[in-house]
């Protein structure tokens, strides 16, 4: 699902995520769906946060999922400018193992520096449902982050509305 196609989702629809990360080698749940967020930790010292946040009306750019997602990034951290964001795709389907399509997100990557871990933040704000999905992965090193993001991408999907 491209950003342009986000308008085809009906306002009453629900967009959520499905995950199998707890069954992935080296990953364990730290908390599951606490206020819409699940957190996992890896044996390598990485953390993955998957969250669903409804009611994001104040950040919406009318009729524009990409603009709304950029507004969500500005809200989270005003120093992250739109030109720092890259497009990324996540699985789009009922479950990660059965997904054959993808959905666009915007992503910001921060390299590790001194005591600061490496991190990737992927967001999508669906303007019609006023729902945001956030997938955040952080690791002690850039190399660990690359592997962890690959793991998370293979075990998380965005569930299309029914």
N, C-alpha and C. Protein backbone atom coordinates (compact mmCIF):
# COMPACT_ATOMS: atom_id res chain seq x y z
N UNK A 1 0.84 -1.17 0.00
CA UNK A 1 0.00 0.00 0.00
C UNK A 1 0.89 1.23 0.00
N UNK A 2 0.79 1.99 -1.05
CA UNK A 2 1.57 3.23 -1.15
C UNK A 2 0.93 4.31 -0.28
N UNK A 3 1.66 5.40 -0.09
CA UNK A 3 1.09 6.52 0.65
C UNK A 3 -0.16 7.05 -0.06
N UNK A 4 -0.10 7.10 -1.39
CA UNK A 4 -1.23 7.62 -2.17
C UNK A 4 -2.50 6.80 -1.99
N UNK A 5 -2.36 5.51 -1.78
CA UNK A 5 -3.53 4.64 -1.65
C UNK A 5 -4.12 4.65 -0.24
N UNK A 6 -3.51 5.33 0.69
CA UNK A 6 -4.01 5.38 2.06
C UNK A 6 -5.42 5.92 2.16
N UNK A 7 -5.82 6.76 1.23
CA UNK A 7 -7.16 7.33 1.24
C UNK A 7 -8.26 6.33 0.93
N UNK A 8 -7.88 5.14 0.45
CA UNK A 8 -8.89 4.12 0.15
C UNK A 8 -9.38 3.40 1.40
N UNK A 9 -8.69 3.57 2.51
CA UNK A 9 -9.11 2.96 3.76
C UNK A 9 -10.26 3.81 4.32
N UNK A 10 -11.29 3.17 4.79
CA UNK A 10 -12.45 3.86 5.35
C UNK A 10 -12.15 4.35 6.76
N UNK A 11 -12.75 5.49 7.16
CA UNK A 11 -12.49 6.03 8.50
C UNK A 11 -12.83 5.06 9.63
N UNK A 12 -13.82 4.21 9.46
CA UNK A 12 -14.21 3.27 10.52
C UNK A 12 -13.33 2.02 10.57
N UNK A 13 -12.46 1.86 9.58
CA UNK A 13 -11.59 0.68 9.55
C UNK A 13 -10.54 0.74 10.65
N UNK A 14 -10.02 -0.42 10.99
CA UNK A 14 -8.95 -0.50 11.97
C UNK A 14 -7.69 -0.99 11.27
N UNK A 15 -6.59 -0.31 11.51
CA UNK A 15 -5.29 -0.74 11.00
C UNK A 15 -4.46 -1.11 12.23
N UNK A 16 -3.87 -2.29 12.19
CA UNK A 16 -3.09 -2.77 13.33
C UNK A 16 -1.88 -3.54 12.81
N UNK A 17 -1.12 -4.13 13.72
CA UNK A 17 0.01 -4.95 13.31
C UNK A 17 -0.15 -6.35 13.88
N UNK A 18 0.49 -7.28 13.20
CA UNK A 18 0.55 -8.66 13.64
C UNK A 18 2.03 -9.00 13.75
N UNK A 19 2.39 -9.84 14.70
CA UNK A 19 3.81 -10.15 14.84
C UNK A 19 4.03 -11.58 15.29
N UNK A 20 5.19 -12.08 14.93
CA UNK A 20 5.64 -13.40 15.38
C UNK A 20 7.04 -13.29 15.96
N UNK A 21 7.39 -12.10 16.43
CA UNK A 21 8.75 -11.86 16.92
C UNK A 21 9.08 -12.71 18.14
N UNK A 22 8.08 -13.04 18.95
CA UNK A 22 8.34 -13.86 20.13
C UNK A 22 8.79 -15.27 19.76
N UNK A 23 8.54 -15.69 18.52
CA UNK A 23 8.98 -17.01 18.05
C UNK A 23 10.29 -16.93 17.26
N UNK A 24 10.80 -15.73 17.06
CA UNK A 24 12.06 -15.56 16.32
C UNK A 24 13.23 -15.94 17.22
N UNK A 25 14.22 -16.63 16.68
CA UNK A 25 15.38 -17.00 17.49
C UNK A 25 16.07 -15.76 18.08
N UNK A 26 16.34 -15.83 19.38
CA UNK A 26 17.07 -14.75 20.04
C UNK A 26 16.23 -13.58 20.53
N UNK A 27 14.91 -13.60 20.31
CA UNK A 27 14.04 -12.50 20.74
C UNK A 27 13.09 -12.99 21.83
N UNK A 28 12.85 -12.13 22.84
CA UNK A 28 11.93 -12.45 23.93
C UNK A 28 11.04 -11.25 24.20
N UNK A 29 9.77 -11.48 24.54
CA UNK A 29 8.90 -10.36 24.87
C UNK A 29 9.25 -9.76 26.24
N UNK A 30 9.27 -8.45 26.32
CA UNK A 30 9.44 -7.74 27.59
C UNK A 30 8.08 -7.26 28.09
N UNK A 31 7.22 -6.84 27.17
CA UNK A 31 5.84 -6.47 27.50
C UNK A 31 5.01 -6.61 26.23
N UNK A 32 3.76 -7.04 26.40
CA UNK A 32 2.89 -7.28 25.25
C UNK A 32 1.64 -6.41 25.33
N UNK A 33 1.47 -5.59 24.31
CA UNK A 33 0.31 -4.72 24.14
C UNK A 33 -0.10 -3.97 25.41
N UNK A 34 0.87 -3.29 25.99
CA UNK A 34 0.61 -2.39 27.11
C UNK A 34 0.37 -1.02 26.51
N UNK A 35 -0.85 -0.54 26.59
CA UNK A 35 -1.26 0.71 25.98
C UNK A 35 -0.88 0.75 24.50
N UNK A 36 -1.11 -0.37 23.81
CA UNK A 36 -0.88 -0.44 22.37
C UNK A 36 0.55 -0.72 21.95
N UNK A 37 1.43 -1.00 22.91
CA UNK A 37 2.84 -1.21 22.58
C UNK A 37 3.31 -2.57 23.06
N UNK A 38 4.05 -3.27 22.19
CA UNK A 38 4.75 -4.50 22.56
C UNK A 38 6.24 -4.23 22.44
N UNK A 39 6.99 -4.71 23.43
CA UNK A 39 8.44 -4.49 23.44
C UNK A 39 9.12 -5.86 23.52
N UNK A 40 10.16 -6.02 22.72
CA UNK A 40 10.94 -7.25 22.67
C UNK A 40 12.41 -6.92 22.87
N UNK A 41 13.14 -7.84 23.46
CA UNK A 41 14.58 -7.69 23.62
C UNK A 41 15.26 -8.89 22.98
N UNK A 42 16.44 -8.64 22.44
CA UNK A 42 17.19 -9.73 21.80
C UNK A 42 18.37 -10.13 22.66
N UNK A 43 18.85 -11.33 22.40
CA UNK A 43 20.04 -11.81 23.10
C UNK A 43 21.26 -10.92 22.82
N UNK A 44 21.24 -10.19 21.70
CA UNK A 44 22.35 -9.31 21.32
C UNK A 44 22.27 -7.94 21.97
N UNK A 45 21.24 -7.70 22.79
CA UNK A 45 21.11 -6.41 23.46
C UNK A 45 20.30 -5.38 22.70
N UNK A 46 19.55 -5.82 21.71
CA UNK A 46 18.69 -4.92 20.93
C UNK A 46 17.29 -4.88 21.54
N UNK A 47 16.58 -3.82 21.24
CA UNK A 47 15.19 -3.65 21.68
C UNK A 47 14.34 -3.30 20.48
N UNK A 48 13.16 -3.91 20.41
CA UNK A 48 12.20 -3.58 19.35
C UNK A 48 10.89 -3.18 20.02
N UNK A 49 10.38 -2.04 19.63
CA UNK A 49 9.10 -1.54 20.12
C UNK A 49 8.13 -1.45 18.95
N UNK A 50 6.99 -2.10 19.08
CA UNK A 50 5.95 -2.09 18.05
C UNK A 50 4.72 -1.45 18.69
N UNK A 51 4.22 -0.36 18.10
CA UNK A 51 3.09 0.29 18.75
C UNK A 51 2.02 0.74 17.76
N UNK A 52 0.83 0.78 18.28
CA UNK A 52 -0.38 1.19 17.59
C UNK A 52 -0.97 2.33 18.40
N UNK A 53 -1.20 3.48 17.76
CA UNK A 53 -1.71 4.64 18.48
C UNK A 53 -2.88 5.26 17.73
N UNK A 54 -4.11 5.06 18.21
CA UNK A 54 -5.27 5.70 17.58
C UNK A 54 -5.39 7.15 18.03
N UNK A 55 -6.29 7.89 17.41
CA UNK A 55 -6.61 9.24 17.85
C UNK A 55 -5.55 10.27 17.56
N UNK A 56 -4.91 10.20 16.42
CA UNK A 56 -3.86 11.15 16.06
C UNK A 56 -4.38 12.31 15.21
N UNK A 57 -5.60 12.69 15.41
CA UNK A 57 -6.24 13.73 14.60
C UNK A 57 -5.51 15.06 14.54
N UNK A 58 -4.88 15.45 15.62
CA UNK A 58 -4.20 16.75 15.65
C UNK A 58 -3.01 16.83 14.69
N UNK A 59 -2.48 15.69 14.28
CA UNK A 59 -1.31 15.68 13.42
C UNK A 59 -1.64 15.49 11.94
N UNK A 60 -2.90 15.31 11.62
CA UNK A 60 -3.29 14.96 10.26
C UNK A 60 -3.09 16.10 9.27
N UNK A 61 -2.59 15.72 8.12
CA UNK A 61 -2.57 16.59 6.96
C UNK A 61 -3.68 16.04 6.07
N UNK A 62 -4.70 16.81 5.84
CA UNK A 62 -5.90 16.34 5.17
C UNK A 62 -5.60 15.59 3.87
N UNK A 63 -6.09 14.35 3.81
CA UNK A 63 -5.97 13.56 2.60
C UNK A 63 -4.56 13.12 2.25
N UNK A 64 -3.64 13.12 3.20
CA UNK A 64 -2.23 12.88 2.86
C UNK A 64 -1.55 12.05 3.95
N UNK A 65 -1.37 10.74 3.69
CA UNK A 65 -0.69 9.87 4.65
C UNK A 65 0.78 10.26 4.80
N UNK A 66 1.43 10.58 3.69
CA UNK A 66 2.86 10.94 3.77
C UNK A 66 3.04 12.23 4.58
N UNK A 67 2.26 13.25 4.27
CA UNK A 67 2.34 14.50 5.02
C UNK A 67 1.99 14.31 6.49
N UNK A 68 1.02 13.46 6.76
CA UNK A 68 0.64 13.18 8.15
C UNK A 68 1.77 12.45 8.87
N UNK A 69 2.43 11.53 8.18
CA UNK A 69 3.55 10.81 8.79
C UNK A 69 4.72 11.75 9.05
N UNK A 70 4.99 12.67 8.13
CA UNK A 70 6.03 13.68 8.38
C UNK A 70 5.68 14.53 9.59
N UNK A 71 4.40 14.88 9.74
CA UNK A 71 3.96 15.66 10.91
C UNK A 71 4.16 14.87 12.20
N UNK A 72 3.95 13.56 12.15
CA UNK A 72 4.18 12.72 13.33
C UNK A 72 5.66 12.72 13.70
N UNK A 73 6.54 12.62 12.72
CA UNK A 73 7.98 12.70 13.00
C UNK A 73 8.32 14.06 13.62
N UNK A 74 7.77 15.16 13.07
CA UNK A 74 8.04 16.50 13.63
C UNK A 74 7.57 16.58 15.08
N UNK A 75 6.43 15.97 15.38
CA UNK A 75 5.90 15.97 16.74
C UNK A 75 6.83 15.19 17.68
N UNK A 76 7.29 14.04 17.21
CA UNK A 76 8.16 13.20 18.05
C UNK A 76 9.52 13.84 18.29
N UNK A 77 10.08 14.46 17.24
CA UNK A 77 11.40 15.09 17.35
C UNK A 77 11.50 16.16 16.27
N UNK A 78 11.33 17.44 16.65
CA UNK A 78 11.35 18.52 15.67
C UNK A 78 12.65 18.63 14.88
N UNK A 79 13.72 18.01 15.35
CA UNK A 79 14.99 18.09 14.62
C UNK A 79 15.05 17.12 13.43
N UNK A 80 14.09 16.20 13.34
CA UNK A 80 14.07 15.25 12.22
C UNK A 80 13.28 15.90 11.08
N UNK A 81 13.99 16.43 10.12
CA UNK A 81 13.38 17.11 8.99
C UNK A 81 12.96 16.10 7.93
N UNK A 82 11.95 16.42 7.11
CA UNK A 82 11.49 15.48 6.08
C UNK A 82 12.61 14.97 5.16
N UNK A 83 13.61 15.80 4.89
CA UNK A 83 14.69 15.34 4.00
C UNK A 83 15.59 14.29 4.66
N UNK A 84 15.48 14.09 5.98
CA UNK A 84 16.23 13.05 6.66
C UNK A 84 15.53 11.69 6.61
N UNK A 85 14.30 11.68 6.14
CA UNK A 85 13.49 10.46 6.13
C UNK A 85 13.66 9.72 4.81
N UNK A 86 13.65 8.41 4.90
CA UNK A 86 13.69 7.58 3.70
C UNK A 86 12.44 6.71 3.67
N UNK A 87 12.03 6.35 2.49
CA UNK A 87 10.91 5.43 2.36
C UNK A 87 11.35 4.02 2.70
N UNK A 88 10.46 3.28 3.30
CA UNK A 88 10.73 1.88 3.60
C UNK A 88 9.43 1.11 3.44
N UNK A 89 9.53 -0.18 3.37
CA UNK A 89 8.32 -0.99 3.26
C UNK A 89 8.31 -2.05 4.36
N UNK A 90 7.12 -2.35 4.80
CA UNK A 90 6.88 -3.41 5.78
C UNK A 90 5.86 -4.35 5.16
N UNK A 91 5.78 -5.55 5.70
CA UNK A 91 4.84 -6.53 5.19
C UNK A 91 3.40 -6.05 5.40
N UNK A 92 2.54 -6.37 4.45
CA UNK A 92 1.12 -5.98 4.47
C UNK A 92 0.33 -7.28 4.34
N UNK A 93 -0.30 -7.73 5.43
CA UNK A 93 -1.06 -8.96 5.39
C UNK A 93 -1.49 -9.40 6.77
N UNK A 94 -2.33 -10.41 6.81
CA UNK A 94 -2.89 -10.90 8.07
C UNK A 94 -1.83 -11.34 9.06
N UNK A 95 -0.77 -12.00 8.57
CA UNK A 95 0.32 -12.44 9.43
C UNK A 95 1.62 -12.35 8.64
N UNK A 96 2.74 -12.16 9.34
CA UNK A 96 4.01 -12.00 8.64
C UNK A 96 4.35 -13.14 7.68
N UNK A 97 4.06 -14.36 8.06
CA UNK A 97 4.41 -15.50 7.23
C UNK A 97 3.57 -15.64 5.98
N UNK A 98 2.40 -15.02 5.96
CA UNK A 98 1.49 -15.14 4.82
C UNK A 98 1.44 -13.89 3.95
N UNK A 99 2.18 -12.86 4.31
CA UNK A 99 2.12 -11.59 3.59
C UNK A 99 2.82 -11.68 2.25
N UNK A 100 2.16 -11.16 1.21
CA UNK A 100 2.75 -11.12 -0.12
C UNK A 100 2.83 -9.70 -0.66
N UNK A 101 2.34 -8.75 0.10
CA UNK A 101 2.34 -7.35 -0.33
C UNK A 101 3.12 -6.52 0.70
N UNK A 102 3.27 -5.23 0.41
CA UNK A 102 3.99 -4.35 1.33
C UNK A 102 3.23 -3.05 1.52
N UNK A 103 3.60 -2.33 2.56
CA UNK A 103 3.01 -1.04 2.88
C UNK A 103 4.15 -0.05 3.13
N UNK A 104 4.00 1.16 2.61
CA UNK A 104 5.04 2.18 2.75
C UNK A 104 5.02 2.84 4.12
N UNK A 105 6.20 3.09 4.64
CA UNK A 105 6.44 3.83 5.87
C UNK A 105 7.51 4.87 5.58
N UNK A 106 7.70 5.81 6.48
CA UNK A 106 8.87 6.68 6.46
C UNK A 106 9.78 6.25 7.60
N UNK A 107 11.08 6.29 7.35
CA UNK A 107 12.04 5.77 8.31
C UNK A 107 13.18 6.76 8.54
N UNK A 108 13.60 6.82 9.79
CA UNK A 108 14.75 7.62 10.18
C UNK A 108 15.75 6.68 10.84
N UNK A 109 17.00 6.74 10.40
CA UNK A 109 18.06 5.90 10.98
C UNK A 109 19.09 6.79 11.66
N UNK A 110 19.43 6.42 12.88
CA UNK A 110 20.46 7.13 13.65
C UNK A 110 21.60 6.15 13.89
N UNK A 111 22.78 6.49 13.43
CA UNK A 111 23.95 5.64 13.63
C UNK A 111 24.38 5.70 15.09
N UNK A 112 25.05 4.66 15.56
CA UNK A 112 25.58 4.62 16.92
C UNK A 112 26.70 5.66 17.05
N UNK A 113 26.79 6.28 18.20
CA UNK A 113 27.85 7.26 18.47
C UNK A 113 28.12 7.28 19.97
N UNK A 114 29.36 7.07 20.34
CA UNK A 114 29.78 7.06 21.75
C UNK A 114 28.85 6.16 22.56
N UNK A 115 28.10 6.74 23.48
CA UNK A 115 27.19 5.97 24.34
C UNK A 115 25.78 5.85 23.76
N UNK A 116 25.55 6.46 22.61
CA UNK A 116 24.22 6.45 22.00
C UNK A 116 24.06 5.23 21.10
N UNK A 117 23.02 4.42 21.32
CA UNK A 117 22.84 3.24 20.47
C UNK A 117 22.37 3.63 19.07
N UNK A 118 22.53 2.72 18.15
CA UNK A 118 22.00 2.89 16.79
C UNK A 118 20.50 2.62 16.86
N UNK A 119 19.74 3.32 16.01
CA UNK A 119 18.29 3.10 16.03
C UNK A 119 17.67 3.36 14.67
N UNK A 120 16.54 2.70 14.46
CA UNK A 120 15.70 2.91 13.28
C UNK A 120 14.29 3.15 13.78
N UNK A 121 13.68 4.23 13.29
CA UNK A 121 12.29 4.55 13.63
C UNK A 121 11.50 4.55 12.32
N UNK A 122 10.52 3.66 12.21
CA UNK A 122 9.64 3.59 11.03
C UNK A 122 8.23 3.92 11.48
N UNK A 123 7.62 4.91 10.81
CA UNK A 123 6.28 5.38 11.18
C UNK A 123 5.37 5.42 9.97
N UNK A 124 4.09 5.26 10.23
CA UNK A 124 3.05 5.51 9.22
C UNK A 124 1.82 6.01 9.96
N UNK A 125 1.31 7.16 9.55
CA UNK A 125 0.07 7.69 10.08
C UNK A 125 -0.97 7.62 8.98
N UNK A 126 -1.99 6.79 9.19
CA UNK A 126 -3.08 6.63 8.23
C UNK A 126 -4.10 7.73 8.52
N UNK A 127 -4.21 8.69 7.60
CA UNK A 127 -5.03 9.87 7.88
C UNK A 127 -6.51 9.54 8.01
N UNK A 128 -7.02 8.58 7.25
CA UNK A 128 -8.46 8.32 7.32
C UNK A 128 -8.87 7.66 8.63
N UNK A 129 -8.01 6.80 9.19
CA UNK A 129 -8.35 6.13 10.46
C UNK A 129 -7.76 6.87 11.66
N UNK A 130 -6.93 7.88 11.40
CA UNK A 130 -6.27 8.64 12.47
C UNK A 130 -5.41 7.74 13.35
N UNK A 131 -4.84 6.71 12.74
CA UNK A 131 -4.07 5.70 13.45
C UNK A 131 -2.61 5.75 13.02
N UNK A 132 -1.72 5.71 14.01
CA UNK A 132 -0.29 5.65 13.72
C UNK A 132 0.25 4.29 14.12
N UNK A 133 1.17 3.80 13.31
CA UNK A 133 1.93 2.60 13.64
C UNK A 133 3.39 3.02 13.73
N UNK A 134 4.08 2.54 14.75
CA UNK A 134 5.49 2.86 14.95
C UNK A 134 6.25 1.58 15.23
N UNK A 135 7.32 1.37 14.48
CA UNK A 135 8.20 0.23 14.67
C UNK A 135 9.59 0.80 14.92
N UNK A 136 10.10 0.62 16.12
CA UNK A 136 11.37 1.23 16.54
C UNK A 136 12.32 0.13 17.00
N UNK A 137 13.52 0.13 16.45
CA UNK A 137 14.52 -0.87 16.82
C UNK A 137 15.79 -0.12 17.21
N UNK A 138 16.39 -0.51 18.33
CA UNK A 138 17.67 0.08 18.74
C UNK A 138 18.61 -1.02 19.18
N UNK A 139 19.90 -0.79 18.92
CA UNK A 139 20.95 -1.77 19.22
C UNK A 139 22.23 -1.04 19.61
N UNK A 140 23.11 -1.74 20.32
CA UNK A 140 24.38 -1.11 20.72
C UNK A 140 25.27 -0.68 19.55
N UNK A 141 25.20 -1.40 18.42
CA UNK A 141 26.07 -1.07 17.28
C UNK A 141 25.26 -1.03 15.99
N UNK A 142 25.85 -0.40 14.97
CA UNK A 142 25.22 -0.33 13.66
C UNK A 142 25.05 -1.72 13.05
N UNK A 143 26.04 -2.57 13.21
CA UNK A 143 25.98 -3.92 12.63
C UNK A 143 24.85 -4.73 13.26
N UNK A 144 24.75 -4.67 14.57
CA UNK A 144 23.65 -5.38 15.24
C UNK A 144 22.30 -4.83 14.81
N UNK A 145 22.22 -3.52 14.60
CA UNK A 145 20.96 -2.90 14.19
C UNK A 145 20.52 -3.43 12.83
N UNK A 146 21.44 -3.52 11.89
CA UNK A 146 21.08 -4.00 10.55
C UNK A 146 20.47 -5.40 10.64
N UNK A 147 21.08 -6.28 11.41
CA UNK A 147 20.55 -7.64 11.57
C UNK A 147 19.22 -7.64 12.30
N UNK A 148 19.09 -6.82 13.34
CA UNK A 148 17.86 -6.78 14.13
C UNK A 148 16.69 -6.25 13.30
N UNK A 149 16.93 -5.21 12.51
CA UNK A 149 15.85 -4.65 11.68
C UNK A 149 15.39 -5.71 10.68
N UNK A 150 16.30 -6.46 10.13
CA UNK A 150 15.93 -7.53 9.21
C UNK A 150 15.05 -8.57 9.92
N UNK A 151 15.42 -8.96 11.12
CA UNK A 151 14.60 -9.89 11.91
C UNK A 151 13.20 -9.33 12.13
N UNK A 152 13.13 -8.10 12.58
CA UNK A 152 11.84 -7.49 12.90
C UNK A 152 10.99 -7.39 11.64
N UNK A 153 11.56 -6.95 10.53
CA UNK A 153 10.81 -6.85 9.26
C UNK A 153 10.21 -8.19 8.84
N UNK A 154 10.91 -9.28 9.10
CA UNK A 154 10.42 -10.59 8.72
C UNK A 154 9.35 -11.14 9.66
N UNK A 155 9.18 -10.50 10.83
CA UNK A 155 8.25 -11.01 11.84
C UNK A 155 7.16 -10.03 12.22
N UNK A 156 6.99 -8.98 11.43
CA UNK A 156 5.94 -7.99 11.71
C UNK A 156 5.22 -7.69 10.40
N UNK A 157 3.89 -7.62 10.46
CA UNK A 157 3.13 -7.19 9.28
C UNK A 157 2.05 -6.21 9.72
N UNK A 158 1.67 -5.35 8.79
CA UNK A 158 0.55 -4.45 9.01
C UNK A 158 -0.69 -5.18 8.48
N UNK A 159 -1.69 -5.29 9.35
CA UNK A 159 -2.90 -6.04 9.01
C UNK A 159 -3.84 -5.11 8.26
N UNK A 160 -4.17 -5.45 7.01
CA UNK A 160 -5.10 -4.61 6.26
C UNK A 160 -6.49 -4.61 6.88
N UNK A 161 -7.21 -3.52 6.73
CA UNK A 161 -8.58 -3.49 7.26
C UNK A 161 -9.46 -4.48 6.51
N UNK A 162 -10.48 -4.95 7.19
CA UNK A 162 -11.41 -5.92 6.58
C UNK A 162 -12.68 -5.24 6.17
